């Protein structure tokens, strides 16, 4: 049976910033994440499990925001009002301008409906390769960048890369 305890927005923000990262790192290390779609699957899974004890919270993947005209990878709602937007990226060294604009637009337009913060979560082999962007005063407390990397020595990363390549060769190419 699922406990019906209330989850506060601040707890979810803390979970996204602090607890989701090591869970995704473990998924990356165990090769559950080998491409961008896998990040979405794993992040959705972890967030859904965390949120299930409070029925007021819902998470949707690939949410199309009609007001912005953009798809947002993950959106967390409380009582059907958007509260957090999460943009997921694979192997990006920095947040690209298009994604930044998309998240800022989502915050601006969905802000009237309650969206408070946006997260740009990037999964890459070496998180030290990621360059944090310079934020505007409006973005400072609303747009957060999260880097998830293997945190392994180069030799171990090479072994991981080899296994990842073997997995990818077994996947059939298709349209995404």
N, C-alpha and C. Protein backbone atom coordinates (compact mmCIF):
# COMPACT_ATOMS: atom_id res chain seq x y z
N UNK A 1 0.84 -1.19 0.00
CA UNK A 1 0.00 0.00 0.00
C UNK A 1 0.88 1.25 0.00
N UNK A 2 0.45 2.24 -0.74
CA UNK A 2 1.21 3.48 -0.87
C UNK A 2 0.81 4.45 0.23
N UNK A 3 1.79 5.00 0.90
CA UNK A 3 1.55 6.01 1.94
C UNK A 3 0.98 7.27 1.29
N UNK A 4 0.07 7.95 1.97
CA UNK A 4 -0.58 9.14 1.41
C UNK A 4 -0.02 10.42 2.03
N UNK A 5 1.27 10.47 2.32
CA UNK A 5 1.85 11.67 2.91
C UNK A 5 1.98 12.76 1.87
N UNK A 6 1.82 13.99 2.32
CA UNK A 6 1.95 15.14 1.42
C UNK A 6 3.41 15.39 1.10
N UNK A 7 3.66 15.70 -0.15
CA UNK A 7 5.00 16.05 -0.59
C UNK A 7 4.98 17.53 -0.97
N UNK A 8 5.86 18.29 -0.38
CA UNK A 8 5.95 19.72 -0.67
C UNK A 8 6.80 19.96 -1.91
N UNK A 9 6.54 21.07 -2.59
CA UNK A 9 7.30 21.44 -3.78
C UNK A 9 8.80 21.51 -3.46
N UNK A 10 9.14 22.05 -2.31
CA UNK A 10 10.56 22.18 -1.94
C UNK A 10 11.24 20.81 -1.83
N UNK A 11 10.49 19.81 -1.41
CA UNK A 11 11.06 18.45 -1.31
C UNK A 11 11.32 17.87 -2.71
N UNK A 12 10.42 18.16 -3.62
CA UNK A 12 10.61 17.67 -4.99
C UNK A 12 11.80 18.38 -5.63
N UNK A 13 11.91 19.68 -5.40
CA UNK A 13 13.06 20.43 -5.92
C UNK A 13 14.36 19.85 -5.37
N UNK A 14 14.37 19.54 -4.09
CA UNK A 14 15.56 18.95 -3.47
C UNK A 14 15.85 17.57 -4.06
N UNK A 15 14.79 16.80 -4.29
CA UNK A 15 14.95 15.47 -4.88
C UNK A 15 15.58 15.59 -6.28
N UNK A 16 15.06 16.50 -7.09
CA UNK A 16 15.58 16.68 -8.45
C UNK A 16 17.04 17.12 -8.40
N UNK A 17 17.38 18.04 -7.51
CA UNK A 17 18.75 18.56 -7.45
C UNK A 17 19.74 17.59 -6.81
N UNK A 18 19.30 16.84 -5.80
CA UNK A 18 20.24 16.04 -5.01
C UNK A 18 20.10 14.52 -5.15
N UNK A 19 18.90 14.01 -5.20
CA UNK A 19 18.72 12.55 -5.18
C UNK A 19 18.58 11.94 -6.56
N UNK A 20 18.04 12.67 -7.50
CA UNK A 20 17.87 12.13 -8.85
C UNK A 20 19.22 11.90 -9.52
N UNK A 21 20.15 12.79 -9.26
CA UNK A 21 21.48 12.72 -9.90
C UNK A 21 22.20 11.39 -9.61
N UNK A 22 22.35 10.95 -8.35
CA UNK A 22 23.03 9.66 -8.12
C UNK A 22 22.25 8.46 -8.69
N UNK A 23 20.93 8.56 -8.73
CA UNK A 23 20.13 7.47 -9.30
C UNK A 23 20.39 7.37 -10.81
N UNK A 24 20.43 8.52 -11.47
CA UNK A 24 20.72 8.50 -12.91
C UNK A 24 22.16 8.08 -13.18
N UNK A 25 23.08 8.44 -12.28
CA UNK A 25 24.48 8.01 -12.44
C UNK A 25 24.56 6.48 -12.38
N UNK A 26 23.82 5.87 -11.46
CA UNK A 26 23.81 4.41 -11.36
C UNK A 26 23.20 3.79 -12.63
N UNK A 27 22.16 4.41 -13.15
CA UNK A 27 21.56 3.93 -14.40
C UNK A 27 22.56 4.04 -15.55
N UNK A 28 23.31 5.13 -15.58
CA UNK A 28 24.32 5.34 -16.62
C UNK A 28 25.42 4.29 -16.50
N UNK A 29 25.90 4.08 -15.30
CA UNK A 29 26.98 3.11 -15.07
C UNK A 29 26.55 1.69 -15.42
N UNK A 30 25.29 1.36 -15.16
CA UNK A 30 24.81 0.00 -15.44
C UNK A 30 24.25 -0.13 -16.86
N UNK A 31 24.50 0.87 -17.69
CA UNK A 31 24.11 0.89 -19.10
C UNK A 31 22.60 0.83 -19.31
N UNK A 32 21.85 1.37 -18.37
CA UNK A 32 20.41 1.56 -18.60
C UNK A 32 20.20 2.82 -19.42
N UNK A 33 21.21 3.69 -19.43
CA UNK A 33 21.17 4.90 -20.24
C UNK A 33 22.28 4.81 -21.28
N UNK A 34 21.88 4.77 -22.55
CA UNK A 34 22.87 4.79 -23.63
C UNK A 34 22.53 5.85 -24.67
N UNK A 35 21.36 6.49 -24.54
CA UNK A 35 20.96 7.57 -25.45
C UNK A 35 19.93 8.45 -24.73
N UNK A 36 19.54 9.54 -25.38
CA UNK A 36 18.68 10.53 -24.74
C UNK A 36 17.33 9.98 -24.30
N UNK A 37 16.74 9.11 -25.10
CA UNK A 37 15.43 8.55 -24.74
C UNK A 37 15.51 7.75 -23.44
N UNK A 38 16.66 7.14 -23.18
CA UNK A 38 16.84 6.37 -21.94
C UNK A 38 16.88 7.29 -20.72
N UNK A 39 17.40 8.49 -20.89
CA UNK A 39 17.41 9.45 -19.78
C UNK A 39 15.98 9.77 -19.39
N UNK A 40 15.15 10.02 -20.40
CA UNK A 40 13.74 10.34 -20.14
C UNK A 40 13.05 9.19 -19.41
N UNK A 41 13.30 7.97 -19.87
CA UNK A 41 12.68 6.80 -19.25
C UNK A 41 13.11 6.66 -17.79
N UNK A 42 14.41 6.74 -17.54
CA UNK A 42 14.92 6.56 -16.18
C UNK A 42 14.49 7.70 -15.26
N UNK A 43 14.59 8.93 -15.72
CA UNK A 43 14.18 10.08 -14.90
C UNK A 43 12.69 10.00 -14.58
N UNK A 44 11.88 9.66 -15.58
CA UNK A 44 10.44 9.52 -15.37
C UNK A 44 10.16 8.46 -14.32
N UNK A 45 10.84 7.32 -14.44
CA UNK A 45 10.65 6.22 -13.50
C UNK A 45 10.97 6.65 -12.06
N UNK A 46 12.13 7.26 -11.87
CA UNK A 46 12.52 7.65 -10.51
C UNK A 46 11.58 8.71 -9.94
N UNK A 47 11.22 9.69 -10.75
CA UNK A 47 10.32 10.75 -10.27
C UNK A 47 8.92 10.20 -9.98
N UNK A 48 8.43 9.33 -10.84
CA UNK A 48 7.10 8.75 -10.63
C UNK A 48 7.06 7.95 -9.33
N UNK A 49 8.11 7.18 -9.08
CA UNK A 49 8.17 6.40 -7.83
C UNK A 49 8.19 7.32 -6.61
N UNK A 50 8.92 8.41 -6.72
CA UNK A 50 8.99 9.36 -5.61
C UNK A 50 7.64 10.04 -5.38
N UNK A 51 6.96 10.41 -6.45
CA UNK A 51 5.72 11.17 -6.35
C UNK A 51 4.49 10.33 -6.05
N UNK A 52 4.57 9.01 -6.19
CA UNK A 52 3.37 8.19 -6.10
C UNK A 52 2.70 8.20 -4.72
N UNK A 53 3.42 8.57 -3.68
CA UNK A 53 2.81 8.57 -2.35
C UNK A 53 1.90 9.77 -2.11
N UNK A 54 1.91 10.75 -3.02
CA UNK A 54 1.02 11.90 -2.88
C UNK A 54 0.23 12.06 -4.19
N UNK A 55 -1.07 11.74 -4.17
CA UNK A 55 -1.86 11.76 -5.41
C UNK A 55 -2.05 13.14 -6.03
N UNK A 56 -1.66 14.20 -5.33
CA UNK A 56 -1.79 15.55 -5.90
C UNK A 56 -0.77 15.79 -7.00
N UNK A 57 0.30 15.01 -7.03
CA UNK A 57 1.39 15.22 -7.97
C UNK A 57 1.30 14.26 -9.15
N UNK A 58 1.58 14.79 -10.34
CA UNK A 58 1.57 14.01 -11.58
C UNK A 58 2.80 14.40 -12.39
N UNK A 59 3.32 13.45 -13.13
CA UNK A 59 4.44 13.76 -14.03
C UNK A 59 4.05 13.33 -15.44
N UNK A 60 4.33 14.18 -16.41
CA UNK A 60 4.08 13.86 -17.81
C UNK A 60 5.37 14.00 -18.61
N UNK A 61 5.56 13.07 -19.53
CA UNK A 61 6.72 13.11 -20.41
C UNK A 61 6.31 13.67 -21.77
N UNK A 62 7.22 14.37 -22.40
CA UNK A 62 7.00 14.98 -23.72
C UNK A 62 5.71 15.79 -23.75
N UNK A 63 5.63 16.67 -22.82
CA UNK A 63 4.45 17.52 -22.67
C UNK A 63 4.51 18.65 -23.71
N UNK A 64 3.46 18.77 -24.51
CA UNK A 64 3.40 19.85 -25.49
C UNK A 64 2.68 21.03 -24.85
N UNK A 65 3.42 22.10 -24.66
CA UNK A 65 2.85 23.31 -24.07
C UNK A 65 2.29 24.17 -25.20
N UNK A 66 0.97 24.20 -25.32
CA UNK A 66 0.35 24.96 -26.40
C UNK A 66 0.70 26.43 -26.35
N UNK A 67 0.84 26.96 -25.15
CA UNK A 67 1.14 28.39 -25.00
C UNK A 67 2.53 28.74 -25.53
N UNK A 68 3.47 27.79 -25.48
CA UNK A 68 4.83 28.08 -25.96
C UNK A 68 5.11 27.47 -27.32
N UNK A 69 4.35 26.44 -27.68
CA UNK A 69 4.60 25.75 -28.94
C UNK A 69 5.80 24.82 -28.88
N UNK A 70 6.26 24.47 -27.67
CA UNK A 70 7.42 23.61 -27.50
C UNK A 70 7.05 22.36 -26.72
N UNK A 71 7.81 21.29 -26.98
CA UNK A 71 7.70 20.09 -26.16
C UNK A 71 8.67 20.23 -25.01
N UNK A 72 8.22 19.87 -23.84
CA UNK A 72 9.08 19.86 -22.65
C UNK A 72 9.23 18.40 -22.26
N UNK A 73 10.47 17.96 -22.02
CA UNK A 73 10.71 16.53 -21.78
C UNK A 73 9.91 15.99 -20.60
N UNK A 74 9.98 16.65 -19.46
CA UNK A 74 9.22 16.22 -18.28
C UNK A 74 8.61 17.45 -17.62
N UNK A 75 7.35 17.34 -17.24
CA UNK A 75 6.69 18.41 -16.50
C UNK A 75 6.02 17.78 -15.29
N UNK A 76 6.25 18.38 -14.13
CA UNK A 76 5.65 17.90 -12.88
C UNK A 76 4.52 18.86 -12.51
N UNK A 77 3.34 18.29 -12.29
CA UNK A 77 2.14 19.05 -11.97
C UNK A 77 1.70 18.78 -10.53
N UNK A 78 1.15 19.80 -9.89
CA UNK A 78 0.45 19.60 -8.62
C UNK A 78 -0.97 20.08 -8.84
N UNK A 79 -1.91 19.20 -8.59
CA UNK A 79 -3.33 19.50 -8.81
C UNK A 79 -3.55 20.07 -10.21
N UNK A 80 -2.94 19.43 -11.19
CA UNK A 80 -3.08 19.76 -12.61
C UNK A 80 -2.48 21.11 -13.00
N UNK A 81 -1.67 21.72 -12.13
CA UNK A 81 -0.98 22.97 -12.46
C UNK A 81 0.52 22.67 -12.58
N UNK A 82 1.15 23.11 -13.67
CA UNK A 82 2.58 22.82 -13.84
C UNK A 82 3.41 23.54 -12.79
N UNK A 83 4.34 22.80 -12.20
CA UNK A 83 5.21 23.38 -11.18
C UNK A 83 6.68 23.36 -11.58
N UNK A 84 7.12 22.28 -12.22
CA UNK A 84 8.53 22.15 -12.60
C UNK A 84 8.63 21.62 -14.03
N UNK A 85 9.56 22.18 -14.79
CA UNK A 85 9.83 21.71 -16.15
C UNK A 85 11.27 21.19 -16.18
N UNK A 86 11.46 20.05 -16.84
CA UNK A 86 12.80 19.45 -16.92
C UNK A 86 13.12 19.15 -18.38
N UNK A 87 14.21 19.71 -18.86
CA UNK A 87 14.70 19.45 -20.22
C UNK A 87 15.88 18.50 -20.08
N UNK A 88 15.87 17.40 -20.82
CA UNK A 88 16.90 16.37 -20.72
C UNK A 88 17.77 16.36 -21.97
N UNK A 89 19.06 16.22 -21.78
CA UNK A 89 19.99 16.19 -22.91
C UNK A 89 21.05 15.13 -22.70
N UNK A 90 21.49 14.55 -23.80
CA UNK A 90 22.54 13.54 -23.79
C UNK A 90 23.82 14.13 -24.37
N UNK A 91 24.89 14.04 -23.60
CA UNK A 91 26.24 14.36 -24.06
C UNK A 91 26.38 15.78 -24.62
N UNK A 92 25.78 16.74 -23.96
CA UNK A 92 25.93 18.15 -24.35
C UNK A 92 26.92 18.81 -23.41
N UNK A 93 27.81 19.62 -23.94
CA UNK A 93 28.82 20.28 -23.12
C UNK A 93 28.31 21.57 -22.49
N UNK A 94 27.18 22.06 -22.98
CA UNK A 94 26.54 23.24 -22.38
C UNK A 94 25.09 23.29 -22.84
N UNK A 95 24.31 24.10 -22.16
CA UNK A 95 22.92 24.25 -22.57
C UNK A 95 22.89 25.12 -23.82
N UNK A 96 22.28 24.61 -24.87
CA UNK A 96 22.24 25.37 -26.12
C UNK A 96 21.15 26.43 -26.04
N UNK A 97 21.31 27.46 -26.83
CA UNK A 97 20.42 28.62 -26.76
C UNK A 97 18.96 28.24 -27.00
N UNK A 98 18.72 27.30 -27.91
CA UNK A 98 17.35 26.88 -28.22
C UNK A 98 16.67 26.29 -26.97
N UNK A 99 17.38 25.43 -26.26
CA UNK A 99 16.82 24.81 -25.06
C UNK A 99 16.63 25.85 -23.95
N UNK A 100 17.57 26.74 -23.86
CA UNK A 100 17.48 27.79 -22.85
C UNK A 100 16.26 28.68 -23.11
N UNK A 101 16.08 29.07 -24.37
CA UNK A 101 14.92 29.88 -24.74
C UNK A 101 13.63 29.13 -24.48
N UNK A 102 13.62 27.83 -24.81
CA UNK A 102 12.43 27.01 -24.61
C UNK A 102 12.05 26.94 -23.13
N UNK A 103 13.05 26.72 -22.28
CA UNK A 103 12.78 26.66 -20.84
C UNK A 103 12.34 28.02 -20.30
N UNK A 104 12.98 29.08 -20.75
CA UNK A 104 12.58 30.42 -20.30
C UNK A 104 11.17 30.77 -20.77
N UNK A 105 10.84 30.39 -22.01
CA UNK A 105 9.48 30.62 -22.51
C UNK A 105 8.47 29.83 -21.69
N UNK A 106 8.83 28.58 -21.40
CA UNK A 106 7.93 27.74 -20.60
C UNK A 106 7.70 28.37 -19.24
N UNK A 107 8.75 28.85 -18.61
CA UNK A 107 8.60 29.50 -17.30
C UNK A 107 7.76 30.76 -17.39
N UNK A 108 8.00 31.53 -18.42
CA UNK A 108 7.27 32.80 -18.58
C UNK A 108 5.79 32.55 -18.84
N UNK A 109 5.51 31.66 -19.78
CA UNK A 109 4.12 31.44 -20.17
C UNK A 109 3.38 30.55 -19.19
N UNK A 110 4.06 29.54 -18.67
CA UNK A 110 3.41 28.64 -17.71
C UNK A 110 3.45 29.21 -16.30
N UNK A 111 4.24 30.25 -16.11
CA UNK A 111 4.36 30.86 -14.79
C UNK A 111 3.04 31.34 -14.25
N UNK A 112 2.18 31.82 -15.12
CA UNK A 112 0.85 32.25 -14.70
C UNK A 112 0.01 31.09 -14.19
N UNK A 113 0.41 29.87 -14.60
CA UNK A 113 -0.29 28.68 -14.14
C UNK A 113 0.42 28.02 -12.96
N UNK A 114 1.52 28.60 -12.53
CA UNK A 114 2.20 28.07 -11.35
C UNK A 114 3.57 27.48 -11.57
N UNK A 115 4.05 27.39 -12.82
CA UNK A 115 5.39 26.82 -13.03
C UNK A 115 6.42 27.74 -12.39
N UNK A 116 7.25 27.17 -11.55
CA UNK A 116 8.19 27.98 -10.77
C UNK A 116 9.63 27.85 -11.24
N UNK A 117 10.04 26.62 -11.57
CA UNK A 117 11.45 26.40 -11.88
C UNK A 117 11.59 25.46 -13.06
N UNK A 118 12.75 25.59 -13.71
CA UNK A 118 13.08 24.71 -14.83
C UNK A 118 14.48 24.14 -14.60
N UNK A 119 14.66 22.92 -15.04
CA UNK A 119 15.93 22.24 -14.88
C UNK A 119 16.42 21.77 -16.23
N UNK A 120 17.69 22.01 -16.51
CA UNK A 120 18.34 21.48 -17.71
C UNK A 120 19.27 20.37 -17.21
N UNK A 121 18.87 19.13 -17.42
CA UNK A 121 19.61 17.98 -16.92
C UNK A 121 20.37 17.35 -18.08
N UNK A 122 21.68 17.32 -17.96
CA UNK A 122 22.54 16.77 -19.01
C UNK A 122 23.28 15.56 -18.48
N UNK A 123 23.22 14.46 -19.23
CA UNK A 123 23.95 13.25 -18.89
C UNK A 123 25.09 13.11 -19.90
N UNK A 124 26.31 13.01 -19.38
CA UNK A 124 27.47 12.87 -20.25
C UNK A 124 28.52 12.02 -19.55
N UNK A 125 29.48 11.54 -20.30
CA UNK A 125 30.49 10.64 -19.74
C UNK A 125 31.27 11.31 -18.61
N UNK A 126 31.76 12.51 -18.88
CA UNK A 126 32.57 13.23 -17.90
C UNK A 126 31.90 14.56 -17.60
N UNK A 127 31.33 14.69 -16.43
CA UNK A 127 30.57 15.90 -16.10
C UNK A 127 31.46 17.14 -15.99
N UNK A 128 32.77 16.95 -15.86
CA UNK A 128 33.68 18.10 -15.81
C UNK A 128 33.79 18.78 -17.18
N UNK A 129 33.39 18.09 -18.25
CA UNK A 129 33.42 18.68 -19.59
C UNK A 129 32.30 19.70 -19.79
N UNK A 130 31.32 19.70 -18.90
CA UNK A 130 30.16 20.59 -19.05
C UNK A 130 30.53 22.01 -18.61
N UNK A 131 30.12 22.99 -19.41
CA UNK A 131 30.37 24.40 -19.08
C UNK A 131 29.07 25.02 -18.60
N UNK A 132 29.04 25.42 -17.35
CA UNK A 132 27.84 26.09 -16.83
C UNK A 132 27.69 27.42 -17.53
N UNK A 133 26.45 27.77 -17.82
CA UNK A 133 26.19 29.02 -18.53
C UNK A 133 26.09 30.19 -17.54
N UNK A 134 26.32 31.36 -18.06
CA UNK A 134 26.15 32.57 -17.27
C UNK A 134 24.66 32.90 -17.31
N UNK A 135 24.07 33.02 -16.14
CA UNK A 135 22.62 33.23 -16.07
C UNK A 135 22.27 34.70 -15.90
N UNK A 136 21.12 35.04 -16.43
CA UNK A 136 20.60 36.39 -16.22
C UNK A 136 20.06 36.47 -14.80
N UNK A 137 19.74 37.66 -14.35
CA UNK A 137 19.22 37.81 -12.98
C UNK A 137 17.89 37.06 -12.82
N UNK A 138 17.08 36.99 -13.87
CA UNK A 138 15.80 36.27 -13.80
C UNK A 138 16.02 34.76 -13.75
N UNK A 139 17.06 34.28 -14.41
CA UNK A 139 17.33 32.84 -14.47
C UNK A 139 18.00 32.32 -13.20
N UNK A 140 18.62 33.20 -12.45
CA UNK A 140 19.47 32.80 -11.33
C UNK A 140 18.81 31.79 -10.39
N UNK A 141 17.56 32.03 -10.01
CA UNK A 141 16.89 31.14 -9.06
C UNK A 141 15.83 30.28 -9.73
N UNK A 142 15.66 30.41 -11.04
CA UNK A 142 14.60 29.68 -11.72
C UNK A 142 15.10 28.62 -12.69
N UNK A 143 16.28 28.80 -13.24
CA UNK A 143 16.83 27.86 -14.21
C UNK A 143 18.06 27.19 -13.60
N UNK A 144 17.97 25.89 -13.42
CA UNK A 144 19.05 25.14 -12.78
C UNK A 144 19.63 24.13 -13.76
N UNK A 145 20.95 24.05 -13.78
CA UNK A 145 21.65 23.10 -14.64
C UNK A 145 22.17 21.95 -13.77
N UNK A 146 21.87 20.74 -14.20
CA UNK A 146 22.29 19.54 -13.48
C UNK A 146 23.13 18.70 -14.43
N UNK A 147 24.33 18.33 -13.98
CA UNK A 147 25.22 17.49 -14.78
C UNK A 147 25.32 16.13 -14.12
N UNK A 148 25.19 15.09 -14.93
CA UNK A 148 25.33 13.72 -14.43
C UNK A 148 26.40 13.05 -15.28
N UNK A 149 27.45 12.57 -14.64
CA UNK A 149 28.52 11.88 -15.35
C UNK A 149 28.88 10.57 -14.67
N UNK A 150 29.75 9.81 -15.29
CA UNK A 150 30.15 8.52 -14.74
C UNK A 150 31.00 8.66 -13.49
N UNK A 151 31.85 9.69 -13.45
CA UNK A 151 32.80 9.89 -12.35
C UNK A 151 33.70 8.66 -12.17
N UNK A 152 34.24 8.22 -13.27
CA UNK A 152 35.16 7.11 -13.28
C UNK A 152 36.48 7.55 -13.89
N UNK A 153 37.57 6.80 -13.62
CA UNK A 153 38.84 7.11 -14.28
C UNK A 153 38.74 6.79 -15.78
N UNK A 154 39.59 7.42 -16.60
CA UNK A 154 39.52 7.25 -18.06
C UNK A 154 39.54 5.79 -18.53
N UNK A 155 40.33 4.95 -17.88
CA UNK A 155 40.42 3.54 -18.30
C UNK A 155 39.07 2.83 -18.12
N UNK A 156 38.42 3.11 -17.04
CA UNK A 156 37.12 2.48 -16.78
C UNK A 156 36.05 3.02 -17.74
N UNK A 157 36.16 4.29 -18.09
CA UNK A 157 35.22 4.89 -19.05
C UNK A 157 35.39 4.22 -20.41
N UNK A 158 36.62 3.87 -20.79
CA UNK A 158 36.85 3.18 -22.07
C UNK A 158 36.16 1.82 -22.09
N UNK A 159 36.23 1.09 -20.99
CA UNK A 159 35.54 -0.21 -20.90
C UNK A 159 34.03 0.01 -21.02
N UNK A 160 33.52 1.01 -20.34
CA UNK A 160 32.09 1.34 -20.40
C UNK A 160 31.69 1.69 -21.83
N UNK A 161 32.52 2.49 -22.51
CA UNK A 161 32.26 2.88 -23.90
C UNK A 161 32.18 1.66 -24.81
N UNK A 162 33.08 0.71 -24.60
CA UNK A 162 33.09 -0.51 -25.41
C UNK A 162 31.79 -1.29 -25.21
N UNK A 163 31.37 -1.44 -23.97
CA UNK A 163 30.12 -2.16 -23.68
C UNK A 163 28.92 -1.41 -24.25
N UNK A 164 28.95 -0.09 -24.15
CA UNK A 164 27.86 0.74 -24.69
C UNK A 164 27.76 0.57 -26.21
N UNK A 165 28.91 0.55 -26.86
CA UNK A 165 28.95 0.39 -28.32
C UNK A 165 28.39 -0.98 -28.72
N UNK A 166 28.73 -2.02 -27.95
CA UNK A 166 28.21 -3.36 -28.22
C UNK A 166 26.68 -3.37 -28.09
N UNK A 167 26.18 -2.71 -27.07
CA UNK A 167 24.72 -2.62 -26.89
C UNK A 167 24.07 -1.89 -28.06
N UNK A 168 24.66 -0.80 -28.47
CA UNK A 168 24.08 -0.01 -29.56
C UNK A 168 24.08 -0.79 -30.88
N UNK A 169 25.07 -1.62 -31.09
CA UNK A 169 25.12 -2.42 -32.32
C UNK A 169 23.98 -3.44 -32.36
N UNK A 170 23.51 -3.86 -31.20
CA UNK A 170 22.41 -4.82 -31.14
C UNK A 170 21.05 -4.16 -31.36
N UNK A 171 21.01 -2.84 -31.23
CA UNK A 171 19.76 -2.11 -31.45
C UNK A 171 19.56 -1.91 -32.94
N UNK A 172 18.33 -2.08 -33.37
CA UNK A 172 18.02 -1.85 -34.78
C UNK A 172 17.83 -0.36 -35.01
N UNK A 173 18.39 0.15 -36.11
CA UNK A 173 18.16 1.57 -36.40
C UNK A 173 16.69 1.79 -36.76
N UNK A 174 16.19 2.93 -36.35
CA UNK A 174 14.80 3.25 -36.64
C UNK A 174 14.57 4.73 -36.55
N UNK A 175 13.36 5.12 -36.78
CA UNK A 175 13.00 6.54 -36.70
C UNK A 175 12.65 6.90 -35.28
N UNK A 176 13.08 8.08 -34.86
CA UNK A 176 12.71 8.56 -33.52
C UNK A 176 11.92 9.83 -33.63
